């Protein structure tokens, strides 16, 4: 079942790439080509390390999340440097990548997960921050930005 979800995701990316070629959508085409190349490079890297098994859905989601984060960071830098046209392009690419990521958790949903993790683990002080972040990253994998998660956890530990 998980393997079929991965195949469906990769197939959707491939179909969207072809559709972008036909419609001459340069932003989507460039973004999906980059994503496809990044996924293929990860597979090649795994083979070089002697791992013959295919990528998992989580690994592909991590790749997509990492690419979206790179673009977010670049857009922030472009905005700081008063290069709005470049920031706009990065944001457009982020919007393309978001189609393949699970929906982000709201602040309220995240707070609920944080409270649940605190009560279940018994960790509640700022000294336990690292342990809680580890637990929370596992529970929220790919559904919230790490810096947002950190900020919400810090609010909760006050």
Protein backbone atom coordinates (compact mmCIF):
# COMPACT_ATOMS: atom_id res chain seq x y z
CA UNK A 1 0.00 0.00 0.00
CA UNK A 2 2.75 2.46 0.93
CA UNK A 3 4.71 1.47 -2.15
CA UNK A 4 1.69 2.15 -4.36
CA UNK A 5 1.25 5.64 -2.79
CA UNK A 6 4.87 6.36 -3.66
CA UNK A 7 4.40 5.16 -7.23
CA UNK A 8 1.25 7.29 -7.53
CA UNK A 9 3.15 10.34 -6.27
CA UNK A 10 6.05 9.83 -8.68
CA UNK A 11 3.63 9.19 -11.53
CA UNK A 12 1.71 12.39 -10.69
CA UNK A 13 4.97 14.37 -10.77
CA UNK A 14 5.82 12.83 -14.16
CA UNK A 15 2.32 13.55 -15.58
CA UNK A 16 2.42 17.13 -14.29
CA UNK A 17 5.86 17.57 -15.87
CA UNK A 18 4.49 16.44 -19.25
CA UNK A 19 1.45 18.72 -18.86
CA UNK A 20 3.76 21.66 -18.04
CA UNK A 21 5.76 20.92 -21.21
CA UNK A 22 2.60 20.89 -23.32
CA UNK A 23 1.23 24.08 -21.76
CA UNK A 24 4.66 25.78 -21.82
CA UNK A 25 4.39 26.58 -18.10
CA UNK A 26 8.05 27.47 -17.52
CA UNK A 27 7.88 27.78 -13.72
CA UNK A 28 6.18 24.42 -13.20
CA UNK A 29 8.35 22.76 -15.84
CA UNK A 30 11.61 24.02 -14.32
CA UNK A 31 10.54 23.18 -10.78
CA UNK A 32 9.41 19.65 -11.63
CA UNK A 33 12.52 18.95 -13.71
CA UNK A 34 14.65 20.00 -10.74
CA UNK A 35 12.57 17.84 -8.41
CA UNK A 36 12.80 14.85 -10.75
CA UNK A 37 16.59 15.29 -11.02
CA UNK A 38 16.93 15.59 -7.23
CA UNK A 39 14.96 12.38 -6.69
CA UNK A 40 17.04 10.55 -9.32
CA UNK A 41 20.26 11.83 -7.74
CA UNK A 42 19.12 10.51 -4.36
CA UNK A 43 18.49 7.07 -5.91
CA UNK A 44 21.97 7.13 -7.51
CA UNK A 45 23.50 8.21 -4.20
CA UNK A 46 21.80 5.28 -2.44
CA UNK A 47 23.09 2.81 -5.05
CA UNK A 48 26.61 4.17 -4.60
CA UNK A 49 26.30 3.41 -0.88
CA UNK A 50 25.23 -0.15 -1.69
CA UNK A 51 21.52 0.24 -0.95
CA UNK A 52 19.50 -1.35 -3.72
CA UNK A 53 16.06 -0.81 -2.17
CA UNK A 54 13.91 1.98 -3.65
CA UNK A 55 13.21 5.29 -1.95
CA UNK A 56 10.36 5.33 0.55
CA UNK A 57 7.47 7.77 0.43
CA UNK A 58 8.89 9.53 3.51
CA UNK A 59 12.25 9.99 1.79
CA UNK A 60 10.58 11.49 -1.29
CA UNK A 61 8.50 13.79 0.95
CA UNK A 62 11.70 14.87 2.73
CA UNK A 63 13.26 15.72 -0.64
CA UNK A 64 10.23 17.79 -1.65
CA UNK A 65 10.16 19.52 1.76
CA UNK A 66 13.88 20.28 1.55
CA UNK A 67 13.47 21.78 -1.92
CA UNK A 68 10.54 23.92 -0.72
CA UNK A 69 12.59 25.07 2.27
CA UNK A 70 15.53 26.02 0.03
CA UNK A 71 13.19 28.18 -2.02
CA UNK A 72 11.65 29.76 1.07
CA UNK A 73 15.10 30.66 2.38
CA UNK A 74 16.10 32.06 -1.01
CA UNK A 75 12.89 34.11 -1.23
CA UNK A 76 13.58 35.56 2.23
CA UNK A 77 17.11 36.52 1.17
CA UNK A 78 15.86 38.06 -2.08
CA UNK A 79 13.27 40.08 -0.16
CA UNK A 80 15.96 41.36 2.21
CA UNK A 81 18.06 42.33 -0.80
CA UNK A 82 15.12 44.18 -2.44
CA UNK A 83 14.95 41.68 -5.32
CA UNK A 84 11.19 41.16 -5.36
CA UNK A 85 11.11 39.67 -8.89
CA UNK A 86 13.46 36.86 -7.84
CA UNK A 87 11.57 36.34 -4.57
CA UNK A 88 8.32 36.10 -6.55
CA UNK A 89 9.81 33.36 -8.75
CA UNK A 90 10.91 31.37 -5.68
CA UNK A 91 7.43 31.69 -4.17
CA UNK A 92 5.87 30.45 -7.41
CA UNK A 93 8.16 27.41 -7.25
CA UNK A 94 7.18 26.81 -3.61
CA UNK A 95 3.53 26.79 -4.68
CA UNK A 96 4.31 24.14 -7.31
CA UNK A 97 6.09 21.96 -4.72
CA UNK A 98 3.29 22.36 -2.15
CA UNK A 99 0.96 20.38 -4.44
CA UNK A 100 2.97 17.25 -3.60
CA UNK A 101 3.28 17.79 0.15
CA UNK A 102 0.71 16.88 2.78
CA UNK A 103 -1.37 19.80 4.04
CA UNK A 104 0.40 21.81 6.73
CA UNK A 105 -0.82 21.60 10.29
CA UNK A 106 -2.51 24.66 11.70
CA UNK A 107 -1.16 26.30 14.86
CA UNK A 108 -4.08 24.85 16.84
CA UNK A 109 -3.50 21.31 15.57
CA UNK A 110 0.20 21.63 16.32
CA UNK A 111 -0.49 22.89 19.86
CA UNK A 112 -2.73 19.86 20.40
CA UNK A 113 0.04 17.51 19.26
CA UNK A 114 2.53 19.33 21.51
CA UNK A 115 0.25 19.05 24.56
CA UNK A 116 -0.34 15.38 23.80
CA UNK A 117 3.42 14.72 23.52
CA UNK A 118 4.13 16.57 26.76
CA UNK A 119 1.51 14.63 28.71
CA UNK A 120 2.44 11.27 27.16
CA UNK A 121 6.18 11.68 27.71
CA UNK A 122 6.13 13.46 31.06
CA UNK A 123 8.68 15.94 29.70
CA UNK A 124 7.67 19.52 30.44
CA UNK A 125 10.67 21.72 31.22
CA UNK A 126 12.83 23.80 28.90
CA UNK A 127 15.65 21.36 29.67
CA UNK A 128 13.59 18.69 27.86
CA UNK A 129 13.25 20.84 24.74
CA UNK A 130 15.57 18.70 22.58
CA UNK A 131 13.86 15.44 23.52
CA UNK A 132 10.42 16.93 22.87
CA UNK A 133 11.51 18.34 19.50
CA UNK A 134 12.71 14.86 18.52
CA UNK A 135 9.35 13.34 19.44
CA UNK A 136 7.39 16.11 17.74
CA UNK A 137 9.41 16.03 14.54
CA UNK A 138 8.58 12.35 14.23
CA UNK A 139 4.86 12.99 14.82
CA UNK A 140 4.62 15.98 12.48
CA UNK A 141 7.01 14.77 9.78
CA UNK A 142 6.68 16.98 6.72
CA UNK A 143 3.51 18.70 7.89
CA UNK A 144 4.99 21.74 9.65
CA UNK A 145 8.11 23.84 9.28
CA UNK A 146 10.72 23.10 11.96
CA UNK A 147 11.08 26.75 12.99
CA UNK A 148 7.30 27.10 13.45
CA UNK A 149 7.27 23.90 15.50
CA UNK A 150 10.14 25.22 17.64
CA UNK A 151 8.34 28.52 18.27
CA UNK A 152 5.08 26.80 19.26
CA UNK A 153 6.93 24.40 21.57
CA UNK A 154 8.76 27.27 23.24
CA UNK A 155 5.41 29.01 23.85
CA UNK A 156 4.07 25.84 25.43
CA UNK A 157 7.09 25.31 27.70
CA UNK A 158 6.93 28.82 29.20
